[in-house]
Amino acid sequence: MEYQHASTERLDRLLKYLEYTPDNLNLLIDAITVTLELKHPETERLITQALQYHPDAAEINAHAGLFHLQRFEYEQAQKHLQCAIDCGISAEAVTYNLAYSHYQLRNFDTALATLTTLEPTNDLHKERAILTARCKYNIGELQDAAEILKQFLVIAESDQDAEGLLALILYDDDQQTESIYYANKSLSHSKPCFDGLLARASVAIISNDFNHAYADFKKAVNINPHSGRALSGLAQIDFYNFQFDLALENLQRAVEFMPDHIGTWHLLGWTQLMKNDFQAALGSFEKSYELDRSFGETHGCLASAHALIGDKAKAEKHIKLAEKLGPNSFGYIYAKMVLLNQSSRQQDALALFEQAKATHYPSLGTTPFALVESRLKELSTNHPQN
């Protein structure tokens, strides 16, 4: 409190001096430094003023970069931080901030290249290791990402952020046993861990432990309400619970924050089909088709939507493509059943249904019949009738 009072008094003095010499570089640097520490509303005005007089001043641009980072304005942050480095600043924090801005802009290779200019043994060792692992993770180098975190944990022994991220990477690398080990470690600390919750919930879904998965996804959404992955996880369980209104709400938010995930668009489409909103479902499936035109499951989904809308020609076209590209998908089987029913061939549709419900589908991880039967039994146990 005393320190904050002293800083406020110092800022008042600096602002008075700047009234007489508004272009004084040292005064501007000192004033901006204090406003950043205090999170003072004068920061933006002072940075604008400083850049008008000194557009190429390294320290001013470094401060401007930090200011924009704090406001999640990553393009502006990257521009100023790069200018600071080009103008001769060599502070490790500025280099790290530049790498972080590139990461947020999804320039993962550039972020990695920037991080390599930092010395391995510096004050930002943890931040460097975790950001490097996140970049590697996002470009698909999962094993390298996991190894970086494991090496860091040898030194750190225990670190919640590293353990949680490692758990998530290991899950996505199909190493569920190791993933749950690190997820539980990350969640043994006093505060919750977003990555650890995502990893543990994802493992729980694979084990059909929907209730524990839902609880962890819910906690993850509370930490980060803009996480498409956590929202999609919640929606998946809502769908399994036949809570289609809740699933729809979570999925619409999920695709807003994670528009490039085909599986989430598929689930949104199926939820809309369950609510008899066939045109909306077709729109969702078409979004997934824009992302990948050769994915068999998407063609099966499109076939189902077209069949329910009544466009037999398009349904049959996508059925053929689905059979060729994704013979183990469920969507085109459903589309075939719809077309058979529409042609008054109910017996053939019923025979296809009996065959389909006992067939193991990789996307479901089981047979449709076993999945529905086990979930209904679990829901009945948890919510017994009076």
Protein backbone atom coordinates (compact mmCIF):
# COMPACT_ATOMS: atom_id res chain seq x y z
CA MET A 1 0.00 0.00 0.00
CA GLU A 2 2.86 2.35 0.94
CA TYR A 3 4.66 1.45 -2.29
CA GLN A 4 1.54 2.16 -4.36
CA HIS A 5 1.08 5.54 -2.64
CA ALA A 6 4.72 6.47 -3.34
CA SER A 7 4.35 5.39 -6.99
CA THR A 8 1.20 7.49 -7.38
CA GLU A 9 2.95 10.53 -5.95
CA ARG A 10 5.91 9.95 -8.29
CA LEU A 11 3.57 9.68 -11.26
CA ASP A 12 1.89 12.96 -10.34
CA ARG A 13 5.29 14.68 -10.33
CA LEU A 14 6.27 13.16 -13.66
CA LEU A 15 3.01 14.23 -15.27
CA LYS A 16 3.55 17.81 -14.07
CA TYR A 17 7.07 17.84 -15.55
CA LEU A 18 5.69 16.52 -18.84
CA GLU A 19 3.32 19.47 -19.09
CA TYR A 20 6.39 21.64 -19.68
CA THR A 21 8.48 19.17 -21.74
CA PRO A 22 6.00 16.75 -23.39
CA ASP A 23 8.70 15.28 -25.66
CA ASN A 24 11.19 14.43 -22.90
CA LEU A 25 12.07 10.79 -23.62
CA ASN A 26 13.37 9.89 -20.15
CA LEU A 27 10.34 11.43 -18.44
CA LEU A 28 8.00 9.60 -20.80
CA ILE A 29 9.74 6.26 -20.18
CA ASP A 30 9.62 6.76 -16.41
CA ALA A 31 5.96 7.84 -16.45
CA ILE A 32 4.86 4.93 -18.66
CA THR A 33 6.78 2.46 -16.48
CA VAL A 34 4.92 3.68 -13.39
CA THR A 35 1.51 3.66 -15.09
CA LEU A 36 2.05 0.07 -16.26
CA GLU A 37 2.93 -0.97 -12.71
CA LEU A 38 -0.17 0.78 -11.34
CA LYS A 39 -2.41 -0.27 -14.27
CA HIS A 40 -3.21 3.43 -14.46
CA PRO A 41 -5.69 4.82 -17.04
CA GLU A 42 -3.07 7.34 -18.23
CA THR A 43 -0.97 4.57 -19.81
CA GLU A 44 -2.58 4.64 -23.24
CA ARG A 45 -2.44 8.44 -23.54
CA LEU A 46 1.22 8.53 -22.50
CA ILE A 47 2.19 5.76 -24.94
CA THR A 48 0.42 7.58 -27.78
CA GLN A 49 2.18 10.81 -26.84
CA ALA A 50 5.56 9.10 -26.60
CA LEU A 51 5.22 7.39 -29.98
CA GLN A 52 4.29 10.69 -31.64
CA TYR A 53 7.61 12.18 -30.54
CA HIS A 54 9.77 9.03 -30.56
CA PRO A 55 8.28 6.38 -32.92
CA ASP A 56 11.52 4.38 -33.03
CA ALA A 57 12.44 4.51 -29.33
CA ALA A 58 13.15 0.92 -28.29
CA GLU A 59 11.97 1.24 -24.69
CA ILE A 60 8.76 3.06 -25.64
CA ASN A 61 7.91 0.34 -28.15
CA ALA A 62 8.68 -2.36 -25.58
CA HIS A 63 6.25 -0.71 -23.15
CA ALA A 64 3.68 -0.30 -25.92
CA GLY A 65 4.01 -4.00 -26.76
CA LEU A 66 3.42 -5.00 -23.14
CA PHE A 67 0.42 -2.66 -22.91
CA HIS A 68 -1.21 -4.21 -25.98
CA LEU A 69 -0.43 -7.73 -24.74
CA GLN A 70 -2.31 -6.97 -21.52
CA ARG A 71 -5.29 -5.87 -23.64
CA PHE A 72 -5.10 -9.03 -25.82
CA GLU A 73 -4.30 -6.87 -28.86
CA TYR A 74 -1.71 -9.24 -30.25
CA GLU A 75 -1.12 -7.73 -33.70
CA GLN A 76 -0.34 -4.33 -32.20
CA ALA A 77 1.78 -5.96 -29.50
CA GLN A 78 3.82 -7.90 -32.08
CA LYS A 79 4.43 -4.79 -34.18
CA HIS A 80 5.77 -2.74 -31.24
CA LEU A 81 7.80 -5.55 -29.71
CA GLN A 82 9.50 -6.31 -33.03
CA CYS A 83 10.27 -2.62 -33.41
CA ALA A 84 11.80 -2.57 -29.91
CA ILE A 85 14.10 -5.46 -30.76
CA ASP A 86 15.00 -4.04 -34.18
CA CYS A 87 15.90 -0.77 -32.44
CA GLY A 88 18.38 -2.51 -30.18
CA ILE A 89 16.62 -3.66 -27.01
CA SER A 90 17.84 -7.06 -25.84
CA ALA A 91 15.86 -7.67 -22.63
CA GLU A 92 14.78 -11.31 -22.30
CA ALA A 93 11.26 -10.31 -21.23
CA VAL A 94 10.77 -8.34 -24.47
CA THR A 95 11.92 -11.29 -26.58
CA TYR A 96 9.62 -13.62 -24.69
CA ASN A 97 6.69 -11.22 -25.08
CA LEU A 98 7.33 -11.09 -28.82
CA ALA A 99 7.31 -14.90 -29.00
CA TYR A 100 4.10 -14.98 -26.97
CA SER A 101 2.40 -12.48 -29.30
CA HIS A 102 3.36 -14.68 -32.28
CA TYR A 103 1.94 -17.71 -30.46
CA GLN A 104 -1.37 -15.93 -29.86
CA LEU A 105 -1.46 -14.99 -33.55
CA ARG A 106 -0.90 -18.69 -34.33
CA ASN A 107 2.47 -17.98 -35.94
CA PHE A 108 3.91 -21.01 -34.16
CA ASP A 109 7.06 -21.44 -36.25
CA THR A 110 7.94 -17.76 -35.84
CA ALA A 111 7.30 -17.98 -32.11
CA LEU A 112 9.64 -20.98 -31.89
CA ALA A 113 12.35 -19.18 -33.85
CA THR A 114 12.04 -16.21 -31.49
CA LEU A 115 12.27 -18.43 -28.41
CA THR A 116 15.50 -20.02 -29.67
CA THR A 117 17.20 -16.64 -29.29
CA LEU A 118 16.69 -16.85 -25.51
CA GLU A 119 19.43 -18.50 -23.48
CA PRO A 120 18.36 -21.88 -21.99
CA THR A 121 19.41 -20.86 -18.49
CA ASN A 122 17.61 -17.59 -17.91
CA ASP A 123 15.06 -16.15 -15.52
CA LEU A 124 12.27 -17.16 -17.89
CA HIS A 125 13.19 -20.84 -17.97
CA LYS A 126 9.68 -22.04 -17.04
CA GLU A 127 7.89 -19.64 -19.38
CA ARG A 128 10.25 -20.51 -22.23
CA ALA A 129 9.80 -24.27 -21.73
CA ILE A 130 6.01 -24.10 -21.54
CA LEU A 131 5.59 -21.74 -24.50
CA THR A 132 7.98 -23.84 -26.59
CA ALA A 133 5.97 -26.94 -25.72
CA ARG A 134 2.71 -25.20 -26.61
CA CYS A 135 4.10 -24.18 -30.00
CA LYS A 136 5.37 -27.71 -30.70
CA TYR A 137 1.99 -29.10 -29.61
CA ASN A 138 0.13 -26.82 -32.01
CA ILE A 139 2.26 -27.78 -35.01
CA GLY A 140 1.74 -31.47 -34.24
CA GLU A 141 5.14 -32.27 -32.73
CA LEU A 142 3.59 -33.91 -29.68
CA GLN A 143 6.51 -36.08 -28.65
CA ASP A 144 8.96 -33.17 -28.78
CA ALA A 145 6.52 -31.05 -26.76
CA ALA A 146 6.14 -33.76 -24.12
CA GLU A 147 9.91 -34.26 -23.89
CA ILE A 148 10.50 -30.53 -23.31
CA LEU A 149 8.06 -30.56 -20.40
CA LYS A 150 9.46 -33.77 -18.92
CA GLN A 151 12.97 -32.31 -18.99
CA PHE A 152 11.71 -29.16 -17.31
CA LEU A 153 9.95 -31.22 -14.62
CA VAL A 154 13.18 -33.05 -13.86
CA ILE A 155 14.58 -29.69 -12.75
CA ALA A 156 11.40 -28.20 -11.30
CA GLU A 157 10.25 -31.51 -9.74
CA SER A 158 6.69 -30.23 -9.52
CA ASP A 159 4.98 -27.51 -11.51
CA GLN A 160 1.22 -27.37 -12.00
CA ASP A 161 1.26 -25.59 -15.36
CA ALA A 162 3.80 -27.97 -16.89
CA GLU A 163 2.05 -31.05 -15.47
CA GLY A 164 -1.35 -29.97 -16.80
CA LEU A 165 -0.07 -29.18 -20.29
CA LEU A 166 1.91 -32.43 -20.37
CA ALA A 167 -1.24 -34.35 -19.41
CA LEU A 168 -3.16 -32.80 -22.31
CA ILE A 169 -0.37 -33.46 -24.82
CA LEU A 170 -0.07 -37.08 -23.69
CA TYR A 171 -3.83 -37.56 -24.02
CA ASP A 172 -3.75 -36.26 -27.60
CA ASP A 173 -0.81 -38.60 -28.26
CA ASP A 174 -2.95 -41.59 -27.16
CA GLN A 175 -1.03 -42.11 -23.93
CA GLN A 176 -4.01 -42.14 -21.56
CA THR A 177 -2.31 -43.86 -18.62
CA GLU A 178 0.50 -41.33 -18.46
CA SER A 179 -1.94 -38.54 -19.19
CA ILE A 180 -4.14 -39.28 -16.18
CA TYR A 181 -1.03 -39.54 -13.98
CA TYR A 182 0.10 -36.00 -14.83
CA ALA A 183 -3.48 -34.68 -14.86
CA ASN A 184 -3.96 -35.86 -11.27
CA LYS A 185 -0.59 -34.37 -10.30
CA SER A 186 -1.57 -31.01 -11.77
CA LEU A 187 -4.89 -31.12 -9.92
CA SER A 188 -3.31 -31.98 -6.57
CA HIS A 189 -2.21 -28.36 -6.11
CA SER A 190 -4.28 -25.80 -4.23
CA LYS A 191 -5.67 -24.05 -7.31
CA PRO A 192 -7.46 -25.66 -10.31
CA CYS A 193 -5.53 -26.33 -13.52
CA PHE A 194 -7.32 -25.78 -16.83
CA ASP A 195 -5.16 -28.12 -18.95
CA GLY A 196 -5.24 -30.81 -16.26
CA LEU A 197 -9.03 -30.66 -16.08
CA LEU A 198 -9.32 -30.94 -19.88
CA ALA A 199 -7.01 -33.95 -19.93
CA ARG A 200 -8.71 -35.78 -17.06
CA ALA A 201 -12.18 -35.11 -18.48
CA SER A 202 -11.10 -36.39 -21.90
CA VAL A 203 -9.74 -39.62 -20.41
CA ALA A 204 -12.96 -40.03 -18.43
CA ILE A 205 -15.06 -39.78 -21.61
CA ILE A 206 -13.03 -42.58 -23.21
CA SER A 207 -13.81 -44.69 -20.12
CA ASN A 208 -17.52 -43.77 -20.44
CA ASP A 209 -17.25 -42.09 -17.04
CA PHE A 210 -19.53 -39.27 -18.15
CA ASN A 211 -20.41 -37.84 -14.75
CA HIS A 212 -16.79 -37.23 -13.69
CA ALA A 213 -15.97 -35.96 -17.17
CA TYR A 214 -18.86 -33.49 -17.01
CA ALA A 215 -17.74 -32.17 -13.62
CA ASP A 216 -14.20 -31.55 -14.90
CA PHE A 217 -15.34 -29.93 -18.14
CA LYS A 218 -17.66 -27.70 -16.12
CA LYS A 219 -14.77 -26.57 -13.91
CA ALA A 220 -12.66 -25.95 -17.04
CA VAL A 221 -15.40 -23.77 -18.57
CA ASN A 222 -15.61 -21.80 -15.33
CA ILE A 223 -11.87 -21.07 -15.64
CA ASN A 224 -12.02 -20.27 -19.36
CA PRO A 225 -15.55 -19.69 -20.69
CA HIS A 226 -14.08 -19.14 -24.18
CA SER A 227 -12.58 -22.61 -24.50
CA GLY A 228 -14.15 -24.34 -27.48
CA ARG A 229 -12.66 -27.66 -26.40
CA ALA A 230 -14.18 -27.53 -22.91
CA LEU A 231 -17.56 -26.37 -24.24
CA SER A 232 -17.53 -29.12 -26.87
CA GLY A 233 -16.74 -31.67 -24.15
CA LEU A 234 -19.71 -30.49 -22.08
CA ALA A 235 -21.94 -30.65 -25.14
CA GLN A 236 -20.83 -34.18 -25.99
CA ILE A 237 -22.02 -35.36 -22.59
CA ASP A 238 -25.21 -33.30 -22.85
CA PHE A 239 -25.86 -35.14 -26.12
CA TYR A 240 -25.23 -38.54 -24.49
CA ASN A 241 -27.64 -37.48 -21.73
CA PHE A 242 -30.30 -36.68 -24.35
CA GLN A 243 -30.20 -33.04 -23.17
CA PHE A 244 -30.29 -31.63 -26.68
CA ASP A 245 -31.16 -28.04 -25.70
CA LEU A 246 -28.11 -27.83 -23.43
CA ALA A 247 -25.94 -29.52 -26.06
CA LEU A 248 -27.09 -27.04 -28.69
CA GLU A 249 -26.28 -24.04 -26.48
CA ASN A 250 -22.78 -25.29 -25.62
CA LEU A 251 -22.02 -26.33 -29.20
CA GLN A 252 -23.03 -22.97 -30.66
CA ARG A 253 -20.59 -21.32 -28.26
CA ALA A 254 -17.93 -23.97 -28.96
CA VAL A 255 -17.86 -23.38 -32.73
CA GLU A 256 -17.69 -19.64 -32.11
CA PHE A 257 -14.38 -20.07 -30.27
CA MET A 258 -13.15 -23.18 -32.14
CA PRO A 259 -14.44 -22.79 -35.73
CA ASP A 260 -11.88 -25.16 -37.29
CA HIS A 261 -12.84 -28.35 -35.41
CA ILE A 262 -14.74 -30.71 -37.71
CA GLY A 263 -16.00 -33.00 -34.95
CA THR A 264 -17.69 -30.14 -33.13
CA TRP A 265 -19.53 -29.07 -36.30
CA HIS A 266 -20.62 -32.71 -36.73
CA LEU A 267 -21.98 -32.89 -33.19
CA LEU A 268 -23.76 -29.56 -33.64
CA GLY A 269 -25.36 -30.87 -36.81
CA TRP A 270 -26.53 -34.10 -35.16
CA THR A 271 -27.94 -32.12 -32.25
CA GLN A 272 -29.88 -29.97 -34.71
CA LEU A 273 -31.13 -33.14 -36.42
CA MET A 274 -32.34 -34.45 -33.06
CA LYS A 275 -34.31 -31.19 -32.72
CA ASN A 276 -35.74 -31.62 -36.25
CA ASP A 277 -33.99 -28.47 -37.47
CA PHE A 278 -32.81 -30.09 -40.69
CA GLN A 279 -31.76 -26.92 -42.53
CA ALA A 280 -29.62 -25.75 -39.60
CA ALA A 281 -28.03 -29.21 -39.43
CA LEU A 282 -27.23 -29.07 -43.14
CA GLY A 283 -25.55 -25.70 -42.57
CA SER A 284 -23.39 -27.15 -39.78
CA PHE A 285 -22.37 -30.14 -41.88
CA GLU A 286 -21.54 -27.83 -44.79
CA LYS A 287 -19.23 -25.88 -42.44
CA SER A 288 -17.34 -29.10 -41.69
CA TYR A 289 -17.27 -29.88 -45.42
CA GLU A 290 -15.55 -26.53 -46.06
CA LEU A 291 -12.79 -27.60 -43.64
CA ASP A 292 -12.17 -30.99 -45.28
CA ARG A 293 -13.94 -32.22 -48.42
CA SER A 294 -12.47 -35.73 -48.27
CA PHE A 295 -13.61 -36.81 -44.79
CA GLY A 296 -16.00 -39.75 -45.10
CA GLU A 297 -17.87 -38.97 -41.88
CA THR A 298 -18.77 -35.53 -43.19
CA HIS A 299 -20.28 -37.02 -46.34
CA GLY A 300 -22.34 -39.37 -44.16
CA CYS A 301 -23.58 -36.40 -42.15
CA LEU A 302 -24.47 -34.47 -45.30
CA ALA A 303 -26.28 -37.54 -46.65
CA SER A 304 -28.38 -37.72 -43.48
CA ALA A 305 -29.35 -34.05 -43.63
CA HIS A 306 -30.24 -34.17 -47.33
CA ALA A 307 -32.26 -37.37 -46.80
CA LEU A 308 -34.29 -35.78 -43.99
CA ILE A 309 -34.85 -32.62 -46.04
CA GLY A 310 -36.08 -34.82 -48.90
CA ASP A 311 -33.31 -34.26 -51.45
CA LYS A 312 -32.83 -37.88 -52.48
CA ALA A 313 -30.32 -37.17 -55.28
CA LYS A 314 -27.90 -35.29 -53.04
CA ALA A 315 -28.36 -37.83 -50.25
CA GLU A 316 -27.45 -40.71 -52.57
CA LYS A 317 -24.45 -38.78 -53.92
CA HIS A 318 -23.02 -38.29 -50.43
CA ILE A 319 -23.85 -41.88 -49.41
CA LYS A 320 -21.64 -43.12 -52.27
CA LEU A 321 -18.80 -40.81 -51.24
CA ALA A 322 -19.16 -41.80 -47.58
CA GLU A 323 -19.06 -45.50 -48.43
CA LYS A 324 -15.86 -44.91 -50.39
CA LEU A 325 -14.09 -42.51 -47.99
CA GLY A 326 -15.41 -43.61 -44.60
CA PRO A 327 -16.94 -47.10 -44.70
CA ASN A 328 -16.97 -47.27 -40.89
CA SER A 329 -18.98 -44.07 -40.42
CA PHE A 330 -22.51 -44.12 -39.02
CA GLY A 331 -23.95 -41.13 -40.88
CA TYR A 332 -24.52 -42.74 -44.26
CA ILE A 333 -26.16 -45.79 -42.62
CA TYR A 334 -28.66 -43.46 -41.00
CA ALA A 335 -29.21 -41.71 -44.33
CA LYS A 336 -29.92 -45.07 -45.99
CA MET A 337 -32.51 -45.88 -43.31
CA VAL A 338 -34.23 -42.53 -43.85
CA LEU A 339 -34.39 -43.08 -47.63
CA LEU A 340 -35.74 -46.61 -47.19
CA ASN A 341 -38.47 -45.35 -44.87
CA GLN A 342 -39.35 -42.58 -47.31
CA SER A 343 -39.71 -45.25 -50.03
CA SER A 344 -42.13 -47.23 -47.81
CA ARG A 345 -39.52 -49.97 -47.36
CA GLN A 346 -39.87 -50.08 -43.59
CA GLN A 347 -38.83 -53.73 -43.31
CA ASP A 348 -35.58 -53.08 -45.16
CA ALA A 349 -34.97 -50.01 -43.00
CA LEU A 350 -35.59 -52.07 -39.85
CA ALA A 351 -33.19 -54.79 -41.03
CA LEU A 352 -30.52 -52.16 -41.70
CA PHE A 353 -31.16 -50.67 -38.26
CA GLU A 354 -30.71 -54.05 -36.56
CA GLN A 355 -27.44 -54.51 -38.42
CA ALA A 356 -26.22 -50.99 -37.69
CA LYS A 357 -26.99 -50.95 -33.98
CA ALA A 358 -24.82 -54.03 -33.42
CA THR A 359 -21.89 -52.75 -35.51
CA HIS A 360 -18.83 -51.28 -33.79
CA TYR A 361 -18.16 -47.73 -35.02
CA PRO A 362 -14.74 -46.19 -34.25
CA SER A 363 -16.26 -42.72 -33.92
CA LEU A 364 -18.51 -44.01 -31.12
CA GLY A 365 -15.97 -46.35 -29.59
CA THR A 366 -18.66 -49.03 -29.27
CA THR A 367 -21.91 -50.14 -30.91
CA PRO A 368 -24.83 -47.68 -30.94
CA PHE A 369 -26.96 -50.19 -29.05
CA ALA A 370 -24.38 -50.74 -26.31
CA LEU A 371 -23.77 -47.02 -25.93
CA VAL A 372 -27.44 -46.11 -25.58
CA GLU A 373 -28.23 -49.09 -23.35
CA SER A 374 -25.33 -48.40 -20.95
CA ARG A 375 -26.11 -44.69 -20.79
CA LEU A 376 -29.81 -45.23 -20.13
CA LYS A 377 -28.92 -47.69 -17.37
CA GLU A 378 -26.49 -45.21 -15.82
CA LEU A 379 -29.00 -42.36 -15.97
CA SER A 380 -31.66 -44.59 -14.44
CA THR A 381 -29.29 -45.50 -11.59
CA ASN A 382 -28.40 -41.88 -10.92
CA HIS A 383 -31.99 -40.65 -11.18
CA PRO A 384 -34.24 -43.54 -10.06
CA GLN A 385 -37.96 -43.19 -10.58
CA ASN A 386 -40.18 -42.81 -7.50
